[in-house]
Amino acid sequence: MYGVEYCPAIKEVGTRLSVMETNCTAGVTRMDRIRNHAILQKLGVAPIADKMREARLRWYDHVLRGKEDSVR
């Protein structure tokens, strides 16, 4: 996931990405009526919202470690 550091933290965006990721990786449709967390647990992957949060925190840490005049 590239560029997620700049993506706004909107709950709706995270929810849509989570559903899309689940459907693409597991091949599950809404007709199957399987909950997202059950699919993620079966696949053994973390929710995409957690991945986005980690990427933003990594970027924030990178900015904090930088020099004072390096950020415009």
PDB file of N, CA and C in Angstrom:
ATOM      1  N   MET A   1       0.841  -1.175   0.000  1.00  0.00           N
ATOM      2  CA  MET A   1       0.000   0.000   0.000  1.00  0.00           C
ATOM      3  C   MET A   1       0.887   1.239   0.000  1.00  0.00           C
ATOM      4  N   TYR A   2       0.994   1.833  -1.142  1.00  0.00           N
ATOM      5  CA  TYR A   2       1.837   3.006  -1.289  1.00  0.00           C
ATOM      6  C   TYR A   2       0.996   4.268  -1.166  1.00  0.00           C
ATOM      7  N   GLY A   3       1.558   5.266  -0.522  1.00  0.00           N
ATOM      8  CA  GLY A   3       0.887   6.550  -0.404  1.00  0.00           C
ATOM      9  C   GLY A   3      -0.152   6.629   0.685  1.00  0.00           C
ATOM     10  N   VAL A   4      -0.282   5.594   1.486  1.00  0.00           N
ATOM     11  CA  VAL A   4      -1.293   5.601   2.534  1.00  0.00           C
ATOM     12  C   VAL A   4      -0.925   6.560   3.665  1.00  0.00           C
ATOM     13  N   GLU A   5       0.334   6.993   3.690  1.00  0.00           N
ATOM     14  CA  GLU A   5       0.760   7.933   4.724  1.00  0.00           C
ATOM     15  C   GLU A   5       0.006   9.250   4.591  1.00  0.00           C
ATOM     16  N   TYR A   6      -0.373   9.576   3.361  1.00  0.00           N
ATOM     17  CA  TYR A   6      -1.040  10.847   3.107  1.00  0.00           C
ATOM     18  C   TYR A   6      -2.551  10.713   3.047  1.00  0.00           C
ATOM     19  N   CYS A   7      -3.042   9.510   3.039  1.00  0.00           N
ATOM     20  CA  CYS A   7      -4.476   9.270   2.911  1.00  0.00           C
ATOM     21  C   CYS A   7      -5.200   9.757   4.172  1.00  0.00           C
ATOM     22  N   PRO A   8      -6.281  10.500   4.018  1.00  0.00           N
ATOM     23  CA  PRO A   8      -7.000  10.962   5.200  1.00  0.00           C
ATOM     24  C   PRO A   8      -7.598   9.784   5.966  1.00  0.00           C
ATOM     25  N   ALA A   9      -7.591   9.898   7.257  1.00  0.00           N
ATOM     26  CA  ALA A   9      -8.085   8.816   8.113  1.00  0.00           C
ATOM     27  C   ALA A   9      -9.599   8.936   8.249  1.00  0.00           C
ATOM     28  N   ILE A  10     -10.312   8.546   7.218  1.00  0.00           N
ATOM     29  CA  ILE A  10     -11.764   8.593   7.223  1.00  0.00           C
ATOM     30  C   ILE A  10     -12.264   7.167   7.396  1.00  0.00           C
ATOM     31  N   LYS A  11     -13.195   6.998   8.310  1.00  0.00           N
ATOM     32  CA  LYS A  11     -13.680   5.661   8.624  1.00  0.00           C
ATOM     33  C   LYS A  11     -14.310   4.992   7.403  1.00  0.00           C
ATOM     34  N   GLU A  12     -15.040   5.754   6.606  1.00  0.00           N
ATOM     35  CA  GLU A  12     -15.702   5.194   5.429  1.00  0.00           C
ATOM     36  C   GLU A  12     -14.689   4.652   4.426  1.00  0.00           C
ATOM     37  N   VAL A  13     -13.599   5.368   4.245  1.00  0.00           N
ATOM     38  CA  VAL A  13     -12.555   4.918   3.317  1.00  0.00           C
ATOM     39  C   VAL A  13     -11.954   3.609   3.812  1.00  0.00           C
ATOM     40  N   GLY A  14     -11.669   3.538   5.103  1.00  0.00           N
ATOM     41  CA  GLY A  14     -11.113   2.311   5.675  1.00  0.00           C
ATOM     42  C   GLY A  14     -12.057   1.134   5.548  1.00  0.00           C
ATOM     43  N   THR A  15     -13.342   1.392   5.752  1.00  0.00           N
ATOM     44  CA  THR A  15     -14.334   0.327   5.644  1.00  0.00           C
ATOM     45  C   THR A  15     -14.424  -0.183   4.214  1.00  0.00           C
ATOM     46  N   ARG A  16     -14.463   0.736   3.261  1.00  0.00           N
ATOM     47  CA  ARG A  16     -14.549   0.322   1.853  1.00  0.00           C
ATOM     48  C   ARG A  16     -13.305  -0.452   1.422  1.00  0.00           C
ATOM     49  N   LEU A  17     -12.139   0.002   1.860  1.00  0.00           N
ATOM     50  CA  LEU A  17     -10.907  -0.708   1.521  1.00  0.00           C
ATOM     51  C   LEU A  17     -10.883  -2.096   2.144  1.00  0.00           C
ATOM     52  N   SER A  18     -11.388  -2.201   3.362  1.00  0.00           N
ATOM     53  CA  SER A  18     -11.416  -3.485   4.048  1.00  0.00           C
ATOM     54  C   SER A  18     -12.300  -4.482   3.302  1.00  0.00           C
ATOM     55  N   VAL A  19     -13.469  -4.033   2.899  1.00  0.00           N
ATOM     56  CA  VAL A  19     -14.390  -4.908   2.173  1.00  0.00           C
ATOM     57  C   VAL A  19     -13.790  -5.320   0.833  1.00  0.00           C
ATOM     58  N   MET A  20     -13.200  -4.360   0.119  1.00  0.00           N
ATOM     59  CA  MET A  20     -12.595  -4.654  -1.173  1.00  0.00           C
ATOM     60  C   MET A  20     -11.444  -5.651  -1.025  1.00  0.00           C
ATOM     61  N   GLU A  21     -10.615  -5.451  -0.009  1.00  0.00           N
ATOM     62  CA  GLU A  21      -9.486  -6.353   0.208  1.00  0.00           C
ATOM     63  C   GLU A  21      -9.976  -7.763   0.502  1.00  0.00           C
ATOM     64  N   THR A  22     -10.977  -7.873   1.345  1.00  0.00           N
ATOM     65  CA  THR A  22     -11.514  -9.178   1.711  1.00  0.00           C
ATOM     66  C   THR A  22     -12.101  -9.880   0.499  1.00  0.00           C
ATOM     67  N   ASN A  23     -12.877  -9.150  -0.283  1.00  0.00           N
ATOM     68  CA  ASN A  23     -13.497  -9.754  -1.460  1.00  0.00           C
ATOM     69  C   ASN A  23     -12.458 -10.205  -2.475  1.00  0.00           C
ATOM     70  N   CYS A  24     -11.426  -9.410  -2.673  1.00  0.00           N
ATOM     71  CA  CYS A  24     -10.399  -9.753  -3.667  1.00  0.00           C
ATOM     72  C   CYS A  24      -9.536 -10.925  -3.224  1.00  0.00           C
ATOM     73  N   THR A  25      -9.153 -10.957  -1.970  1.00  0.00           N
ATOM     74  CA  THR A  25      -8.232 -12.001  -1.520  1.00  0.00           C
ATOM     75  C   THR A  25      -8.919 -13.337  -1.292  1.00  0.00           C
ATOM     76  N   ALA A  26     -10.144 -13.307  -0.820  1.00  0.00           N
ATOM     77  CA  ALA A  26     -10.811 -14.559  -0.480  1.00  0.00           C
ATOM     78  C   ALA A  26     -11.802 -15.011  -1.543  1.00  0.00           C
ATOM     79  N   GLY A  27     -12.144 -14.126  -2.477  1.00  0.00           N
ATOM     80  CA  GLY A  27     -13.125 -14.483  -3.492  1.00  0.00           C
ATOM     81  C   GLY A  27     -14.516 -14.651  -2.916  1.00  0.00           C
ATOM     82  N   VAL A  28     -14.814 -13.910  -1.871  1.00  0.00           N
ATOM     83  CA  VAL A  28     -16.096 -14.007  -1.186  1.00  0.00           C
ATOM     84  C   VAL A  28     -17.004 -12.894  -1.683  1.00  0.00           C
ATOM     85  N   THR A  29     -18.267 -13.212  -1.878  1.00  0.00           N
ATOM     86  CA  THR A  29     -19.240 -12.199  -2.276  1.00  0.00           C
ATOM     87  C   THR A  29     -20.190 -11.933  -1.119  1.00  0.00           C
ATOM     88  N   ARG A  30     -21.014 -10.902  -1.276  1.00  0.00           N
ATOM     89  CA  ARG A  30     -21.984 -10.578  -0.225  1.00  0.00           C
ATOM     90  C   ARG A  30     -23.022 -11.688  -0.082  1.00  0.00           C
ATOM     91  N   MET A  31     -23.240 -12.434  -1.147  1.00  0.00           N
ATOM     92  CA  MET A  31     -24.223 -13.519  -1.109  1.00  0.00           C
ATOM     93  C   MET A  31     -23.774 -14.642  -0.173  1.00  0.00           C
ATOM     94  N   ASP A  32     -22.470 -14.743   0.057  1.00  0.00           N
ATOM     95  CA  ASP A  32     -21.950 -15.775   0.957  1.00  0.00           C
ATOM     96  C   ASP A  32     -22.263 -15.471   2.413  1.00  0.00           C
ATOM     97  N   ARG A  33     -22.506 -14.205   2.724  1.00  0.00           N
ATOM     98  CA  ARG A  33     -22.880 -13.739   4.060  1.00  0.00           C
ATOM     99  C   ARG A  33     -21.891 -14.201   5.142  1.00  0.00           C
ATOM    100  N   ILE A  34     -20.619 -13.969   4.877  1.00  0.00           N
ATOM    101  CA  ILE A  34     -19.563 -14.278   5.841  1.00  0.00           C
ATOM    102  C   ILE A  34     -18.991 -12.959   6.324  1.00  0.00           C
ATOM    103  N   ARG A  35     -18.832 -12.813   7.618  1.00  0.00           N
ATOM    104  CA  ARG A  35     -18.332 -11.565   8.197  1.00  0.00           C
ATOM    105  C   ARG A  35     -16.868 -11.347   7.824  1.00  0.00           C
ATOM    106  N   ASN A  36     -16.508 -10.060   7.682  1.00  0.00           N
ATOM    107  CA  ASN A  36     -15.144  -9.698   7.293  1.00  0.00           C
ATOM    108  C   ASN A  36     -14.114 -10.213   8.287  1.00  0.00           C
ATOM    109  N   HIS A  37     -14.397 -10.049   9.590  1.00  0.00           N
ATOM    110  CA  HIS A  37     -13.407 -10.479  10.587  1.00  0.00           C
ATOM    111  C   HIS A  37     -13.205 -11.987  10.553  1.00  0.00           C
ATOM    112  N   ALA A  38     -14.237 -12.748  10.201  1.00  0.00           N
ATOM    113  CA  ALA A  38     -14.087 -14.202  10.102  1.00  0.00           C
ATOM    114  C   ALA A  38     -13.180 -14.574   8.924  1.00  0.00           C
ATOM    115  N   ILE A  39     -13.335 -13.855   7.819  1.00  0.00           N
ATOM    116  CA  ILE A  39     -12.499 -14.120   6.643  1.00  0.00           C
ATOM    117  C   ILE A  39     -11.052 -13.749   6.924  1.00  0.00           C
ATOM    118  N   LEU A  40     -10.840 -12.580   7.540  1.00  0.00           N
ATOM    119  CA  LEU A  40      -9.480 -12.144   7.858  1.00  0.00           C
ATOM    120  C   LEU A  40      -8.805 -13.114   8.822  1.00  0.00           C
ATOM    121  N   GLN A  41      -9.567 -13.605   9.787  1.00  0.00           N
ATOM    122  CA  GLN A  41      -9.010 -14.560  10.747  1.00  0.00           C
ATOM    123  C   GLN A  41      -8.646 -15.872  10.040  1.00  0.00           C
ATOM    124  N   LYS A  42      -9.495 -16.296   9.122  1.00  0.00           N
ATOM    125  CA  LYS A  42      -9.234 -17.530   8.369  1.00  0.00           C
ATOM    126  C   LYS A  42      -7.983 -17.387   7.503  1.00  0.00           C
ATOM    127  N   LEU A  43      -7.810 -16.210   6.894  1.00  0.00           N
ATOM    128  CA  LEU A  43      -6.647 -15.967   6.046  1.00  0.00           C
ATOM    129  C   LEU A  43      -5.391 -15.659   6.845  1.00  0.00           C
ATOM    130  N   GLY A  44      -5.571 -15.248   8.105  1.00  0.00           N
ATOM    131  CA  GLY A  44      -4.430 -14.930   8.957  1.00  0.00           C
ATOM    132  C   GLY A  44      -3.770 -13.606   8.626  1.00  0.00           C
ATOM    133  N   VAL A  45      -4.569 -12.614   8.224  1.00  0.00           N
ATOM    134  CA  VAL A  45      -4.036 -11.291   7.901  1.00  0.00           C
ATOM    135  C   VAL A  45      -4.656 -10.246   8.821  1.00  0.00           C
ATOM    136  N   ALA A  46      -3.955  -9.134   8.954  1.00  0.00           N
ATOM    137  CA  ALA A  46      -4.449  -8.031   9.773  1.00  0.00           C
ATOM    138  C   ALA A  46      -5.416  -7.187   8.949  1.00  0.00           C
ATOM    139  N   PRO A  47      -6.362  -6.534   9.611  1.00  0.00           N
ATOM    140  CA  PRO A  47      -7.272  -5.637   8.896  1.00  0.00           C
ATOM    141  C   PRO A  47      -6.506  -4.497   8.227  1.00  0.00           C
ATOM    142  N   ILE A  48      -7.005  -4.041   7.094  1.00  0.00           N
ATOM    143  CA  ILE A  48      -6.329  -2.997   6.329  1.00  0.00           C
ATOM    144  C   ILE A  48      -6.267  -1.691   7.109  1.00  0.00           C
ATOM    145  N   ALA A  49      -7.242  -1.443   7.977  1.00  0.00           N
ATOM    146  CA  ALA A  49      -7.218  -0.226   8.800  1.00  0.00           C
ATOM    147  C   ALA A  49      -5.998  -0.230   9.719  1.00  0.00           C
ATOM    148  N   ASP A  50      -5.646  -1.396  10.243  1.00  0.00           N
ATOM    149  CA  ASP A  50      -4.454  -1.502  11.090  1.00  0.00           C
ATOM    150  C   ASP A  50      -3.183  -1.251  10.279  1.00  0.00           C
ATOM    151  N   LYS A  51      -3.160  -1.759   9.053  1.00  0.00           N
ATOM    152  CA  LYS A  51      -1.998  -1.542   8.183  1.00  0.00           C
ATOM    153  C   LYS A  51      -1.842  -0.066   7.849  1.00  0.00           C
ATOM    154  N   MET A  52      -2.967   0.611   7.595  1.00  0.00           N
ATOM    155  CA  MET A  52      -2.933   2.045   7.295  1.00  0.00           C
ATOM    156  C   MET A  52      -2.436   2.833   8.501  1.00  0.00           C
ATOM    157  N   ARG A  53      -2.904   2.467   9.686  1.00  0.00           N
ATOM    158  CA  ARG A  53      -2.490   3.147  10.914  1.00  0.00           C
ATOM    159  C   ARG A  53      -0.992   2.973  11.145  1.00  0.00           C
ATOM    160  N   GLU A  54      -0.487   1.760  10.934  1.00  0.00           N
ATOM    161  CA  GLU A  54       0.946   1.509  11.097  1.00  0.00           C
ATOM    162  C   GLU A  54       1.773   2.341  10.124  1.00  0.00           C
ATOM    163  N   ALA A  55       1.320   2.444   8.879  1.00  0.00           N
ATOM    164  CA  ALA A  55       2.059   3.220   7.878  1.00  0.00           C
ATOM    165  C   ALA A  55       2.082   4.696   8.250  1.00  0.00           C
ATOM    166  N   ARG A  56       0.959   5.221   8.729  1.00  0.00           N
ATOM    167  CA  ARG A  56       0.924   6.629   9.141  1.00  0.00           C
ATOM    168  C   ARG A  56       1.835   6.871  10.331  1.00  0.00           C
ATOM    169  N   LEU A  57       1.864   5.941  11.271  1.00  0.00           N
ATOM    170  CA  LEU A  57       2.739   6.094  12.434  1.00  0.00           C
ATOM    171  C   LEU A  57       4.208   6.003  12.042  1.00  0.00           C
ATOM    172  N   ARG A  58       4.531   5.120  11.083  1.00  0.00           N
ATOM    173  CA  ARG A  58       5.912   5.045  10.595  1.00  0.00           C
ATOM    174  C   ARG A  58       6.318   6.359   9.950  1.00  0.00           C
ATOM    175  N   TRP A  59       5.415   6.947   9.161  1.00  0.00           N
ATOM    176  CA  TRP A  59       5.714   8.222   8.510  1.00  0.00           C
ATOM    177  C   TRP A  59       5.883   9.321   9.554  1.00  0.00           C
ATOM    178  N   TYR A  60       5.017   9.332  10.553  1.00  0.00           N
ATOM    179  CA  TYR A  60       5.098  10.340  11.615  1.00  0.00           C
ATOM    180  C   TYR A  60       6.430  10.222  12.351  1.00  0.00           C
ATOM    181  N   ASP A  61       6.851   8.996  12.636  1.00  0.00           N
ATOM    182  CA  ASP A  61       8.137   8.770  13.303  1.00  0.00           C
ATOM    183  C   ASP A  61       9.287   9.246  12.416  1.00  0.00           C
ATOM    184  N   HIS A  62       9.177   8.996  11.114  1.00  0.00           N
ATOM    185  CA  HIS A  62      10.193   9.453  10.163  1.00  0.00           C
ATOM    186  C   HIS A  62      10.295  10.978  10.177  1.00  0.00           C
ATOM    187  N   VAL A  63       9.167  11.656  10.205  1.00  0.00           N
ATOM    188  CA  VAL A  63       9.151  13.123  10.229  1.00  0.00           C
ATOM    189  C   VAL A  63       9.755  13.637  11.530  1.00  0.00           C
ATOM    190  N   LEU A  64       9.431  12.992  12.646  1.00  0.00           N
ATOM    191  CA  LEU A  64       9.970  13.422  13.940  1.00  0.00           C
ATOM    192  C   LEU A  64      11.486  13.266  13.998  1.00  0.00           C
ATOM    193  N   ARG A  65      12.022  12.223  13.372  1.00  0.00           N
ATOM    194  CA  ARG A  65      13.461  11.992  13.393  1.00  0.00           C
ATOM    195  C   ARG A  65      14.221  12.926  12.463  1.00  0.00           C
ATOM    196  N   GLY A  66      13.524  13.525  11.518  1.00  0.00           N
ATOM    197  CA  GLY A  66      14.182  14.399  10.551  1.00  0.00           C
ATOM    198  C   GLY A  66      14.656  15.696  11.177  1.00  0.00           C
ATOM    199  N   LYS A  67      15.474  16.397  10.414  1.00  0.00           N
ATOM    200  CA  LYS A  67      15.985  17.681  10.879  1.00  0.00           C
ATOM    201  C   LYS A  67      14.862  18.712  10.891  1.00  0.00           C
ATOM    202  N   GLU A  68      15.056  19.722  11.696  1.00  0.00           N
ATOM    203  CA  GLU A  68      14.046  20.762  11.869  1.00  0.00           C
ATOM    204  C   GLU A  68      13.714  21.461  10.548  1.00  0.00           C
ATOM    205  N   ASP A  69      14.717  21.709   9.726  1.00  0.00           N
ATOM    206  CA  ASP A  69      14.494  22.458   8.491  1.00  0.00           C
ATOM    207  C   ASP A  69      14.237  21.569   7.269  1.00  0.00           C
ATOM    208  N   SER A  70      14.130  20.265   7.456  1.00  0.00           N
ATOM    209  CA  SER A  70      13.945  19.377   6.310  1.00  0.00           C
ATOM    210  C   SER A  70      12.491  19.321   5.843  1.00  0.00           C
ATOM    211  N   VAL A  71      11.545  19.660   6.705  1.00  0.00           N
ATOM    212  CA  VAL A  71      10.126  19.634   6.348  1.00  0.00           C
ATOM    213  C   VAL A  71       9.680  21.045   6.029  1.00  0.00           C
ATOM    214  N   ARG A  72       9.048  21.203   4.881  1.00  0.00           N
ATOM    215  CA  ARG A  72       8.602  22.545   4.486  1.00  0.00           C
ATOM    216  C   ARG A  72       7.165  22.767   4.824  1.00  0.00           C
TER     217      ARG A  72
END
